[in-house]
mmCIF file of all heavy atoms, coordinates in Angstrom:
data_MODEL
# 
_entry.id   MODEL 
# 
loop_
_atom_site.group_PDB 
_atom_site.id 
_atom_site.type_symbol 
_atom_site.label_atom_id 
_atom_site.label_alt_id 
_atom_site.label_comp_id 
_atom_site.label_asym_id 
_atom_site.label_entity_id 
_atom_site.label_seq_id 
_atom_site.pdbx_PDB_ins_code 
_atom_site.Cartn_x 
_atom_site.Cartn_y 
_atom_site.Cartn_z 
_atom_site.occupancy 
_atom_site.B_iso_or_equiv 
_atom_site.pdbx_formal_charge 
_atom_site.auth_seq_id 
_atom_site.auth_comp_id 
_atom_site.auth_asym_id 
_atom_site.auth_atom_id 
_atom_site.pdbx_PDB_model_num 
ATOM 1   N N   . SER A 1 1  ? 26.713 -69.823 -196.044 1.00 0.00 ? 1  SER A N   1 
ATOM 2   C CA  . SER A 1 1  ? 28.028 -69.493 -196.622 1.00 0.00 ? 1  SER A CA  1 
ATOM 3   C C   . SER A 1 1  ? 29.007 -69.216 -195.485 1.00 0.00 ? 1  SER A C   1 
ATOM 4   O O   . SER A 1 1  ? 28.640 -68.674 -194.436 1.00 0.00 ? 1  SER A O   1 
ATOM 5   C CB  . SER A 1 1  ? 27.930 -68.279 -197.551 1.00 0.00 ? 1  SER A CB  1 
ATOM 6   O OG  . SER A 1 1  ? 27.549 -67.115 -196.834 1.00 0.00 ? 1  SER A OG  1 
ATOM 7   N N   . PHE A 1 2  ? 30.230 -69.602 -195.676 1.00 0.00 ? 2  PHE A N   1 
ATOM 8   C CA  . PHE A 1 2  ? 31.311 -69.382 -194.706 1.00 0.00 ? 2  PHE A CA  1 
ATOM 9   C C   . PHE A 1 2  ? 32.498 -68.788 -195.455 1.00 0.00 ? 2  PHE A C   1 
ATOM 10  O O   . PHE A 1 2  ? 32.875 -69.260 -196.532 1.00 0.00 ? 2  PHE A O   1 
ATOM 11  C CB  . PHE A 1 2  ? 31.713 -70.694 -194.027 1.00 0.00 ? 2  PHE A CB  1 
ATOM 12  C CG  . PHE A 1 2  ? 32.874 -70.546 -193.092 1.00 0.00 ? 2  PHE A CG  1 
ATOM 13  C CD1 . PHE A 1 2  ? 32.690 -70.095 -191.797 1.00 0.00 ? 2  PHE A CD1 1 
ATOM 14  C CD2 . PHE A 1 2  ? 34.155 -70.857 -193.518 1.00 0.00 ? 2  PHE A CD2 1 
ATOM 15  C CE1 . PHE A 1 2  ? 33.774 -69.962 -190.934 1.00 0.00 ? 2  PHE A CE1 1 
ATOM 16  C CE2 . PHE A 1 2  ? 35.235 -70.736 -192.664 1.00 0.00 ? 2  PHE A CE2 1 
ATOM 17  C CZ  . PHE A 1 2  ? 35.037 -70.285 -191.366 1.00 0.00 ? 2  PHE A CZ  1 
ATOM 18  N N   . ARG A 1 3  ? 33.071 -67.754 -194.850 1.00 0.00 ? 3  ARG A N   1 
ATOM 19  C CA  . ARG A 1 3  ? 34.188 -67.088 -195.509 1.00 0.00 ? 3  ARG A CA  1 
ATOM 20  C C   . ARG A 1 3  ? 35.203 -66.654 -194.460 1.00 0.00 ? 3  ARG A C   1 
ATOM 21  O O   . ARG A 1 3  ? 34.848 -66.042 -193.453 1.00 0.00 ? 3  ARG A O   1 
ATOM 22  C CB  . ARG A 1 3  ? 33.717 -65.874 -196.299 1.00 0.00 ? 3  ARG A CB  1 
ATOM 23  C CG  . ARG A 1 3  ? 34.838 -65.156 -197.054 1.00 0.00 ? 3  ARG A CG  1 
ATOM 24  C CD  . ARG A 1 3  ? 34.282 -64.023 -197.880 1.00 0.00 ? 3  ARG A CD  1 
ATOM 25  N NE  . ARG A 1 3  ? 35.333 -63.353 -198.643 1.00 0.00 ? 3  ARG A NE  1 
ATOM 26  C CZ  . ARG A 1 3  ? 35.127 -62.335 -199.474 1.00 0.00 ? 3  ARG A CZ  1 
ATOM 27  N NH1 . ARG A 1 3  ? 33.876 -61.885 -199.648 1.00 0.00 ? 3  ARG A NH1 1 
ATOM 28  N NH2 . ARG A 1 3  ? 36.124 -61.792 -200.123 1.00 0.00 ? 3  ARG A NH2 1 
ATOM 29  N N   . ALA A 1 4  ? 36.457 -67.007 -194.672 1.00 0.00 ? 4  ALA A N   1 
ATOM 30  C CA  . ALA A 1 4  ? 37.566 -66.618 -193.797 1.00 0.00 ? 4  ALA A CA  1 
ATOM 31  C C   . ALA A 1 4  ? 38.612 -65.909 -194.639 1.00 0.00 ? 4  ALA A C   1 
ATOM 32  O O   . ALA A 1 4  ? 39.036 -66.426 -195.686 1.00 0.00 ? 4  ALA A O   1 
ATOM 33  C CB  . ALA A 1 4  ? 38.165 -67.821 -193.094 1.00 0.00 ? 4  ALA A CB  1 
ATOM 34  N N   . THR A 1 5  ? 39.013 -64.724 -194.178 1.00 0.00 ? 5  THR A N   1 
ATOM 35  C CA  . THR A 1 5  ? 39.966 -63.901 -194.931 1.00 0.00 ? 5  THR A CA  1 
ATOM 36  C C   . THR A 1 5  ? 41.099 -63.482 -194.002 1.00 0.00 ? 5  THR A C   1 
ATOM 37  O O   . THR A 1 5  ? 40.862 -63.019 -192.875 1.00 0.00 ? 5  THR A O   1 
ATOM 38  C CB  . THR A 1 5  ? 39.288 -62.657 -195.503 1.00 0.00 ? 5  THR A CB  1 
ATOM 39  O OG1 . THR A 1 5  ? 38.177 -63.052 -196.316 1.00 0.00 ? 5  THR A OG1 1 
ATOM 40  C CG2 . THR A 1 5  ? 40.264 -61.847 -196.332 1.00 0.00 ? 5  THR A CG2 1 
ATOM 41  N N   . VAL A 1 6  ? 42.322 -63.649 -194.472 1.00 0.00 ? 6  VAL A N   1 
ATOM 42  C CA  . VAL A 1 6  ? 43.517 -63.208 -193.751 1.00 0.00 ? 6  VAL A CA  1 
ATOM 43  C C   . VAL A 1 6  ? 44.270 -62.255 -194.677 1.00 0.00 ? 6  VAL A C   1 
ATOM 44  O O   . VAL A 1 6  ? 44.623 -62.631 -195.800 1.00 0.00 ? 6  VAL A O   1 
ATOM 45  C CB  . VAL A 1 6  ? 44.409 -64.386 -193.338 1.00 0.00 ? 6  VAL A CB  1 
ATOM 46  C CG1 . VAL A 1 6  ? 45.668 -63.870 -192.643 1.00 0.00 ? 6  VAL A CG1 1 
ATOM 47  C CG2 . VAL A 1 6  ? 43.661 -65.334 -192.422 1.00 0.00 ? 6  VAL A CG2 1 
ATOM 48  N N   . SER A 1 7  ? 44.482 -61.038 -194.201 1.00 0.00 ? 7  SER A N   1 
ATOM 49  C CA  . SER A 1 7  ? 45.207 -60.035 -194.990 1.00 0.00 ? 7  SER A CA  1 
ATOM 50  C C   . SER A 1 7  ? 46.431 -59.573 -194.218 1.00 0.00 ? 7  SER A C   1 
ATOM 51  O O   . SER A 1 7  ? 46.411 -59.516 -192.974 1.00 0.00 ? 7  SER A O   1 
ATOM 52  C CB  . SER A 1 7  ? 44.309 -58.834 -195.310 1.00 0.00 ? 7  SER A CB  1 
ATOM 53  O OG  . SER A 1 7  ? 43.879 -58.185 -194.123 1.00 0.00 ? 7  SER A OG  1 
ATOM 54  N N   . GLN A 1 8  ? 47.487 -59.261 -194.929 1.00 0.00 ? 8  GLN A N   1 
ATOM 55  C CA  . GLN A 1 8  ? 48.751 -58.857 -194.312 1.00 0.00 ? 8  GLN A CA  1 
ATOM 56  C C   . GLN A 1 8  ? 49.319 -57.668 -195.079 1.00 0.00 ? 8  GLN A C   1 
ATOM 57  O O   . GLN A 1 8  ? 49.463 -57.714 -196.298 1.00 0.00 ? 8  GLN A O   1 
ATOM 58  C CB  . GLN A 1 8  ? 49.758 -60.012 -194.337 1.00 0.00 ? 8  GLN A CB  1 
ATOM 59  C CG  . GLN A 1 8  ? 51.163 -59.639 -193.900 1.00 0.00 ? 8  GLN A CG  1 
ATOM 60  C CD  . GLN A 1 8  ? 51.215 -59.219 -192.445 1.00 0.00 ? 8  GLN A CD  1 
ATOM 61  O OE1 . GLN A 1 8  ? 50.699 -59.917 -191.588 1.00 0.00 ? 8  GLN A OE1 1 
ATOM 62  N NE2 . GLN A 1 8  ? 51.821 -58.061 -192.166 1.00 0.00 ? 8  GLN A NE2 1 
ATOM 63  N N   . HIS A 1 9  ? 49.618 -56.591 -194.337 1.00 0.00 ? 9  HIS A N   1 
ATOM 64  C CA  . HIS A 1 9  ? 50.286 -55.432 -194.939 1.00 0.00 ? 9  HIS A CA  1 
ATOM 65  C C   . HIS A 1 9  ? 51.735 -55.804 -195.238 1.00 0.00 ? 9  HIS A C   1 
ATOM 66  O O   . HIS A 1 9  ? 52.445 -56.336 -194.380 1.00 0.00 ? 9  HIS A O   1 
ATOM 67  C CB  . HIS A 1 9  ? 50.247 -54.239 -193.996 1.00 0.00 ? 9  HIS A CB  1 
ATOM 68  C CG  . HIS A 1 9  ? 48.867 -53.690 -193.769 1.00 0.00 ? 9  HIS A CG  1 
ATOM 69  N ND1 . HIS A 1 9  ? 48.241 -52.839 -194.648 1.00 0.00 ? 9  HIS A ND1 1 
ATOM 70  C CD2 . HIS A 1 9  ? 47.981 -53.878 -192.753 1.00 0.00 ? 9  HIS A CD2 1 
ATOM 71  C CE1 . HIS A 1 9  ? 47.045 -52.516 -194.199 1.00 0.00 ? 9  HIS A CE1 1 
ATOM 72  N NE2 . HIS A 1 9  ? 46.853 -53.140 -193.045 1.00 0.00 ? 9  HIS A NE2 1 
ATOM 73  N N   . LEU A 1 10 ? 52.157 -55.480 -196.429 1.00 0.00 ? 10 LEU A N   1 
ATOM 74  C CA  . LEU A 1 10 ? 53.528 -55.770 -196.834 1.00 0.00 ? 10 LEU A CA  1 
ATOM 75  C C   . LEU A 1 10 ? 54.424 -54.540 -196.780 1.00 0.00 ? 10 LEU A C   1 
ATOM 76  O O   . LEU A 1 10 ? 55.628 -54.670 -196.538 1.00 0.00 ? 10 LEU A O   1 
ATOM 77  C CB  . LEU A 1 10 ? 53.544 -56.357 -198.250 1.00 0.00 ? 10 LEU A CB  1 
ATOM 78  C CG  . LEU A 1 10 ? 52.808 -57.696 -198.408 1.00 0.00 ? 10 LEU A CG  1 
ATOM 79  C CD1 . LEU A 1 10 ? 52.891 -58.164 -199.862 1.00 0.00 ? 10 LEU A CD1 1 
ATOM 80  C CD2 . LEU A 1 10 ? 53.364 -58.754 -197.461 1.00 0.00 ? 10 LEU A CD2 1 
ATOM 81  N N   . LEU A 1 11 ? 53.863 -53.363 -196.988 1.00 0.00 ? 11 LEU A N   1 
ATOM 82  C CA  . LEU A 1 11 ? 54.663 -52.137 -196.954 1.00 0.00 ? 11 LEU A CA  1 
ATOM 83  C C   . LEU A 1 11 ? 54.131 -51.223 -195.843 1.00 0.00 ? 11 LEU A C   1 
ATOM 84  O O   . LEU A 1 11 ? 54.546 -51.332 -194.686 1.00 0.00 ? 11 LEU A O   1 
ATOM 85  C CB  . LEU A 1 11 ? 54.625 -51.453 -198.322 1.00 0.00 ? 11 LEU A CB  1 
ATOM 86  C CG  . LEU A 1 11 ? 55.265 -52.248 -199.477 1.00 0.00 ? 11 LEU A CG  1 
ATOM 87  C CD1 . LEU A 1 11 ? 55.110 -51.511 -200.791 1.00 0.00 ? 11 LEU A CD1 1 
ATOM 88  C CD2 . LEU A 1 11 ? 56.740 -52.491 -199.177 1.00 0.00 ? 11 LEU A CD2 1 
ATOM 89  N N   . GLN A 1 12 ? 53.214 -50.344 -196.167 1.00 0.00 ? 12 GLN A N   1 
ATOM 90  C CA  . GLN A 1 12 ? 52.650 -49.469 -195.143 1.00 0.00 ? 12 GLN A CA  1 
ATOM 91  C C   . GLN A 1 12 ? 51.759 -50.267 -194.199 1.00 0.00 ? 12 GLN A C   1 
ATOM 92  O O   . GLN A 1 12 ? 50.901 -51.031 -194.626 1.00 0.00 ? 12 GLN A O   1 
ATOM 93  C CB  . GLN A 1 12 ? 51.841 -48.339 -195.781 1.00 0.00 ? 12 GLN A CB  1 
ATOM 94  C CG  . GLN A 1 12 ? 51.351 -47.302 -194.792 1.00 0.00 ? 12 GLN A CG  1 
ATOM 95  C CD  . GLN A 1 12 ? 50.520 -46.225 -195.457 1.00 0.00 ? 12 GLN A CD  1 
ATOM 96  O OE1 . GLN A 1 12 ? 49.868 -46.482 -196.468 1.00 0.00 ? 12 GLN A OE1 1 
ATOM 97  N NE2 . GLN A 1 12 ? 50.565 -45.028 -194.914 1.00 0.00 ? 12 GLN A NE2 1 
ATOM 98  N N   . GLY A 1 13 ? 51.977 -50.094 -192.913 1.00 0.00 ? 13 GLY A N   1 
ATOM 99  C CA  . GLY A 1 13 ? 51.214 -50.834 -191.926 1.00 0.00 ? 13 GLY A CA  1 
ATOM 100 C C   . GLY A 1 13 ? 51.840 -52.140 -191.521 1.00 0.00 ? 13 GLY A C   1 
ATOM 101 O O   . GLY A 1 13 ? 51.225 -52.914 -190.783 1.00 0.00 ? 13 GLY A O   1 
ATOM 102 N N   . PHE A 1 14 ? 53.059 -52.417 -191.977 1.00 0.00 ? 14 PHE A N   1 
ATOM 103 C CA  . PHE A 1 14 ? 53.726 -53.673 -191.640 1.00 0.00 ? 14 PHE A CA  1 
ATOM 104 C C   . PHE A 1 14 ? 54.719 -53.417 -190.500 1.00 0.00 ? 14 PHE A C   1 
ATOM 105 O O   . PHE A 1 14 ? 55.434 -52.431 -190.488 1.00 0.00 ? 14 PHE A O   1 
ATOM 106 C CB  . PHE A 1 14 ? 54.477 -54.236 -192.863 1.00 0.00 ? 14 PHE A CB  1 
ATOM 107 C CG  . PHE A 1 14 ? 55.297 -55.458 -192.551 1.00 0.00 ? 14 PHE A CG  1 
ATOM 108 C CD1 . PHE A 1 14 ? 54.707 -56.705 -192.477 1.00 0.00 ? 14 PHE A CD1 1 
ATOM 109 C CD2 . PHE A 1 14 ? 56.660 -55.357 -192.314 1.00 0.00 ? 14 PHE A CD2 1 
ATOM 110 C CE1 . PHE A 1 14 ? 55.454 -57.829 -192.187 1.00 0.00 ? 14 PHE A CE1 1 
ATOM 111 C CE2 . PHE A 1 14 ? 57.414 -56.469 -192.029 1.00 0.00 ? 14 PHE A CE2 1 
ATOM 112 C CZ  . PHE A 1 14 ? 56.812 -57.715 -191.972 1.00 0.00 ? 14 PHE A CZ  1 
ATOM 113 N N   . GLY A 1 15 ? 54.728 -54.300 -189.541 1.00 0.00 ? 15 GLY A N   1 
ATOM 114 C CA  . GLY A 1 15 ? 55.743 -54.195 -188.491 1.00 0.00 ? 15 GLY A CA  1 
ATOM 115 C C   . GLY A 1 15 ? 55.137 -54.145 -187.098 1.00 0.00 ? 15 GLY A C   1 
ATOM 116 O O   . GLY A 1 15 ? 54.091 -53.546 -186.861 1.00 0.00 ? 15 GLY A O   1 
ATOM 117 N N   . TRP A 1 16 ? 55.823 -54.818 -186.157 1.00 0.00 ? 16 TRP A N   1 
ATOM 118 C CA  . TRP A 1 16 ? 55.377 -54.906 -184.778 1.00 0.00 ? 16 TRP A CA  1 
ATOM 119 C C   . TRP A 1 16 ? 55.420 -53.543 -184.091 1.00 0.00 ? 16 TRP A C   1 
ATOM 120 O O   . TRP A 1 16 ? 54.471 -53.115 -183.441 1.00 0.00 ? 16 TRP A O   1 
ATOM 121 C CB  . TRP A 1 16 ? 56.265 -55.918 -184.061 1.00 0.00 ? 16 TRP A CB  1 
ATOM 122 C CG  . TRP A 1 16 ? 55.952 -56.118 -182.610 1.00 0.00 ? 16 TRP A CG  1 
ATOM 123 C CD1 . TRP A 1 16 ? 56.421 -55.384 -181.571 1.00 0.00 ? 16 TRP A CD1 1 
ATOM 124 C CD2 . TRP A 1 16 ? 55.095 -57.109 -182.052 1.00 0.00 ? 16 TRP A CD2 1 
ATOM 125 N NE1 . TRP A 1 16 ? 55.921 -55.860 -180.383 1.00 0.00 ? 16 TRP A NE1 1 
ATOM 126 C CE2 . TRP A 1 16 ? 55.107 -56.931 -180.643 1.00 0.00 ? 16 TRP A CE2 1 
ATOM 127 C CE3 . TRP A 1 16 ? 54.331 -58.143 -182.585 1.00 0.00 ? 16 TRP A CE3 1 
ATOM 128 C CZ2 . TRP A 1 16 ? 54.388 -57.739 -179.782 1.00 0.00 ? 16 TRP A CZ2 1 
ATOM 129 C CZ3 . TRP A 1 16 ? 53.612 -58.953 -181.722 1.00 0.00 ? 16 TRP A CZ3 1 
ATOM 130 C CH2 . TRP A 1 16 ? 53.635 -58.747 -180.346 1.00 0.00 ? 16 TRP A CH2 1 
ATOM 131 N N   . ASN A 1 17 ? 56.547 -52.852 -184.219 1.00 0.00 ? 17 ASN A N   1 
ATOM 132 C CA  . ASN A 1 17 ? 56.703 -51.578 -183.522 1.00 0.00 ? 17 ASN A CA  1 
ATOM 133 C C   . ASN A 1 17 ? 55.780 -50.500 -184.082 1.00 0.00 ? 17 ASN A C   1 
ATOM 134 O O   . ASN A 1 17 ? 55.315 -49.627 -183.329 1.00 0.00 ? 17 ASN A O   1 
ATOM 135 C CB  . ASN A 1 17 ? 58.160 -51.105 -183.616 1.00 0.00 ? 17 ASN A CB  1 
ATOM 136 C CG  . ASN A 1 17 ? 59.108 -52.023 -182.865 1.00 0.00 ? 17 ASN A CG  1 
ATOM 137 O OD1 . ASN A 1 17 ? 58.732 -52.635 -181.866 1.00 0.00 ? 17 ASN A OD1 1 
ATOM 138 N ND2 . ASN A 1 17 ? 60.336 -52.141 -183.353 1.00 0.00 ? 17 ASN A ND2 1 
ATOM 139 N N   . LEU A 1 18 ? 55.530 -50.542 -185.358 1.00 0.00 ? 18 LEU A N   1 
ATOM 140 C CA  . LEU A 1 18 ? 54.670 -49.526 -185.966 1.00 0.00 ? 18 LEU A CA  1 
ATOM 141 C C   . LEU A 1 18 ? 53.249 -49.627 -185.431 1.00 0.00 ? 18 LEU A C   1 
ATOM 142 O O   . LEU A 1 18 ? 52.646 -48.615 -185.053 1.00 0.00 ? 18 LEU A O   1 
ATOM 143 C CB  . LEU A 1 18 ? 54.681 -49.690 -187.487 1.00 0.00 ? 18 LEU A CB  1 
ATOM 144 C CG  . LEU A 1 18 ? 53.711 -48.785 -188.259 1.00 0.00 ? 18 LEU A CG  1 
ATOM 145 C CD1 . LEU A 1 18 ? 54.097 -47.319 -188.097 1.00 0.00 ? 18 LEU A CD1 1 
ATOM 146 C CD2 . LEU A 1 18 ? 53.681 -49.165 -189.729 1.00 0.00 ? 18 LEU A CD2 1 
ATOM 147 N N   . ASN A 1 19 ? 52.705 -50.811 -185.384 1.00 0.00 ? 19 ASN A N   1 
ATOM 148 C CA  . ASN A 1 19 ? 51.318 -50.976 -184.958 1.00 0.00 ? 19 ASN A CA  1 
ATOM 149 C C   . ASN A 1 19 ? 51.141 -50.893 -183.441 1.00 0.00 ? 19 ASN A C   1 
ATOM 150 O O   . ASN A 1 19 ? 50.022 -50.734 -182.966 1.00 0.00 ? 19 ASN A O   1 
ATOM 151 C CB  . ASN A 1 19 ? 50.767 -52.320 -185.465 1.00 0.00 ? 19 ASN A CB  1 
ATOM 152 C CG  . ASN A 1 19 ? 50.653 -52.358 -186.976 1.00 0.00 ? 19 ASN A CG  1 
ATOM 153 O OD1 . ASN A 1 19 ? 49.945 -51.567 -187.590 1.00 0.00 ? 19 ASN A OD1 1 
ATOM 154 N ND2 . ASN A 1 19 ? 51.375 -53.287 -187.588 1.00 0.00 ? 19 ASN A ND2 1 
ATOM 155 N N   . ARG A 1 20 ? 52.243 -51.012 -182.704 1.00 0.00 ? 20 ARG A N   1 
ATOM 156 C CA  . ARG A 1 20 ? 52.188 -50.888 -181.242 1.00 0.00 ? 20 ARG A CA  1 
ATOM 157 C C   . ARG A 1 20 ? 52.737 -49.550 -180.761 1.00 0.00 ? 20 ARG A C   1 
ATOM 158 O O   . ARG A 1 20 ? 53.081 -49.404 -179.590 1.00 0.00 ? 20 ARG A O   1 
ATOM 159 C CB  . ARG A 1 20 ? 52.978 -52.038 -180.595 1.00 0.00 ? 20 ARG A CB  1 
ATOM 160 C CG  . ARG A 1 20 ? 52.325 -53.393 -180.743 1.00 0.00 ? 20 ARG A CG  1 
ATOM 161 C CD  . ARG A 1 20 ? 53.213 -54.488 -180.160 1.00 0.00 ? 20 ARG A CD  1 
ATOM 162 N NE  . ARG A 1 20 ? 53.583 -54.215 -178.782 1.00 0.00 ? 20 ARG A NE  1 
ATOM 163 C CZ  . ARG A 1 20 ? 52.871 -54.601 -177.719 1.00 0.00 ? 20 ARG A CZ  1 
ATOM 164 N NH1 . ARG A 1 20 ? 51.736 -55.283 -177.907 1.00 0.00 ? 20 ARG A NH1 1 
ATOM 165 N NH2 . ARG A 1 20 ? 53.260 -54.339 -176.502 1.00 0.00 ? 20 ARG A NH2 1 
ATOM 166 N N   . ARG A 1 21 ? 52.806 -48.569 -181.636 1.00 0.00 ? 21 ARG A N   1 
ATOM 167 C CA  . ARG A 1 21 ? 53.395 -47.283 -181.249 1.00 0.00 ? 21 ARG A CA  1 
ATOM 168 C C   . ARG A 1 21 ? 52.568 -46.573 -180.180 1.00 0.00 ? 21 ARG A C   1 
ATOM 169 O O   . ARG A 1 21 ? 53.125 -45.904 -179.311 1.00 0.00 ? 21 ARG A O   1 
ATOM 170 C CB  . ARG A 1 21 ? 53.548 -46.400 -182.491 1.00 0.00 ? 21 ARG A CB  1 
ATOM 171 C CG  . ARG A 1 21 ? 52.236 -46.023 -183.178 1.00 0.00 ? 21 ARG A CG  1 
ATOM 172 C CD  . ARG A 1 21 ? 52.519 -45.262 -184.476 1.00 0.00 ? 21 ARG A CD  1 
ATOM 173 N NE  . ARG A 1 21 ? 51.299 -44.784 -185.131 1.00 0.00 ? 21 ARG A NE  1 
ATOM 174 C CZ  . ARG A 1 21 ? 50.557 -45.511 -185.944 1.00 0.00 ? 21 ARG A CZ  1 
ATOM 175 N NH1 . ARG A 1 21 ? 50.926 -46.773 -186.207 1.00 0.00 ? 21 ARG A NH1 1 
ATOM 176 N NH2 . ARG A 1 21 ? 49.470 -45.005 -186.506 1.00 0.00 ? 21 ARG A NH2 1 
ATOM 177 N N   . ASN A 1 22 ? 51.243 -46.710 -180.247 1.00 0.00 ? 22 ASN A N   1 
ATOM 178 C CA  . ASN A 1 22 ? 50.416 -46.055 -179.226 1.00 0.00 ? 22 ASN A CA  1 
ATOM 179 C C   . ASN A 1 22 ? 50.631 -46.676 -177.852 1.00 0.00 ? 22 ASN A C   1 
ATOM 180 O O   . ASN A 1 22 ? 50.535 -45.986 -176.829 1.00 0.00 ? 22 ASN A O   1 
ATOM 181 C CB  . ASN A 1 22 ? 48.939 -46.153 -179.611 1.00 0.00 ? 22 ASN A CB  1 
ATOM 182 C CG  . ASN A 1 22 ? 48.569 -45.179 -180.708 1.00 0.00 ? 22 ASN A CG  1 
ATOM 183 O OD1 . ASN A 1 22 ? 49.275 -44.205 -180.955 1.00 0.00 ? 22 ASN A OD1 1 
ATOM 184 N ND2 . ASN A 1 22 ? 47.463 -45.432 -181.380 1.00 0.00 ? 22 ASN A ND2 1 
ATOM 185 N N   . ILE A 1 23 ? 50.915 -47.973 -177.798 1.00 0.00 ? 23 ILE A N   1 
ATOM 186 C CA  . ILE A 1 23 ? 51.194 -48.617 -176.512 1.00 0.00 ? 23 ILE A CA  1 
ATOM 187 C C   . ILE A 1 23 ? 52.489 -48.076 -175.929 1.00 0.00 ? 23 ILE A C   1 
ATOM 188 O O   . ILE A 1 23 ? 52.589 -47.806 -174.719 1.00 0.00 ? 23 ILE A O   1 
ATOM 189 C CB  . ILE A 1 23 ? 51.255 -50.145 -176.683 1.00 0.00 ? 23 ILE A CB  1 
ATOM 190 C CG1 . ILE A 1 23 ? 49.913 -50.676 -177.213 1.00 0.00 ? 23 ILE A CG1 1 
ATOM 191 C CG2 . ILE A 1 23 ? 51.618 -50.827 -175.376 1.00 0.00 ? 23 ILE A CG2 1 
ATOM 192 C CD1 . ILE A 1 23 ? 49.908 -52.168 -177.456 1.00 0.00 ? 23 ILE A CD1 1 
ATOM 193 N N   . THR A 1 24 ? 53.490 -47.888 -176.788 1.00 0.00 ? 24 THR A N   1 
ATOM 194 C CA  . THR A 1 24 ? 54.762 -47.329 -176.319 1.00 0.00 ? 24 THR A CA  1 
ATOM 195 C C   . THR A 1 24 ? 54.579 -45.912 -175.808 1.00 0.00 ? 24 THR A C   1 
ATOM 196 O O   . THR A 1 24 ? 55.128 -45.526 -174.763 1.00 0.00 ? 24 THR A O   1 
ATOM 197 C CB  . THR A 1 24 ? 55.798 -47.363 -177.454 1.00 0.00 ? 24 THR A CB  1 
ATOM 198 O OG1 . THR A 1 24 ? 55.948 -48.706 -177.928 1.00 0.00 ? 24 THR A OG1 1 
ATOM 199 C CG2 . THR A 1 24 ? 57.137 -46.846 -176.983 1.00 0.00 ? 24 THR A CG2 1 
ATOM 200 N N   . ILE A 1 25 ? 53.791 -45.104 -176.541 1.00 0.00 ? 25 ILE A N   1 
ATOM 201 C CA  . ILE A 1 25 ? 53.540 -43.735 -176.103 1.00 0.00 ? 25 ILE A CA  1 
ATOM 202 C C   . ILE A 1 25 ? 52.789 -43.721 -174.776 1.00 0.00 ? 25 ILE A C   1 
ATOM 203 O O   . ILE A 1 25 ? 53.091 -42.931 -173.870 1.00 0.00 ? 25 ILE A O   1 
ATOM 204 C CB  . ILE A 1 25 ? 52.756 -42.970 -177.184 1.00 0.00 ? 25 ILE A CB  1 
ATOM 205 C CG1 . ILE A 1 25 ? 53.599 -42.818 -178.450 1.00 0.00 ? 25 ILE A CG1 1 
ATOM 206 C CG2 . ILE A 1 25 ? 52.325 -41.603 -176.679 1.00 0.00 ? 25 ILE A CG2 1 
ATOM 207 C CD1 . ILE A 1 25 ? 52.853 -42.185 -179.607 1.00 0.00 ? 25 ILE A CD1 1 
# 
């Protein structure tokens, strides 16, 4: 069996700056 899943946050957890905040800090 082979399975590929792509998920994308639409509200909470969405955004470049939000997910890279620890890098900025």
